[in-house]
Amino acid sequence: QVQLVESGGGLVQAGGSLRLSCAASTRTFSSYHMGWFRQAPGKEREFVAAINWSGGITYYADSVKGRSTISRDNARNTVYLQMNSLKPEDTAVYYCAALQTSTNYNLNYYRGSQYAYWGQGTQVTVSS
């Protein structure tokens, strides 16, 4: 069992930045690829970004590409999502999730159904 706890959300003006963090309670953090997803009110959950176990392969949704950076620190069991140039349409609850390395990362990084563990989410609100 892996517990994930997100932090770093908040209220920010359009054009601002936030850095989300997700701390994992596991001794085998490097056994998981990690992803960020988000869900806006009335909308389905959507993929935001993913990073493989070593940090060497990352993927981004087109909506955040060029404005966001996902990274991880395996020594600290933490994954980060740096978001810049925030827009009102980025407003959502952001979730981090863990994908077991036994799952094909390149085929499944965007599929929320493949992730084994989820955090409780952190609210990001971008005002115009």
Foldseek 3Di string as FASTA:
>chain_A
DKAKAKDFADEEAQQAKIKMKIAIPDPPLLQWKKFKWWDDPPGDIWGAKIAHSVRPDMDGDPVQPPFWDWGDDSVRRMIMIIGGSDDQVVWTWMKMFIAGPVDDCVVPVTPPVRTDDMYPTDTHGYHD
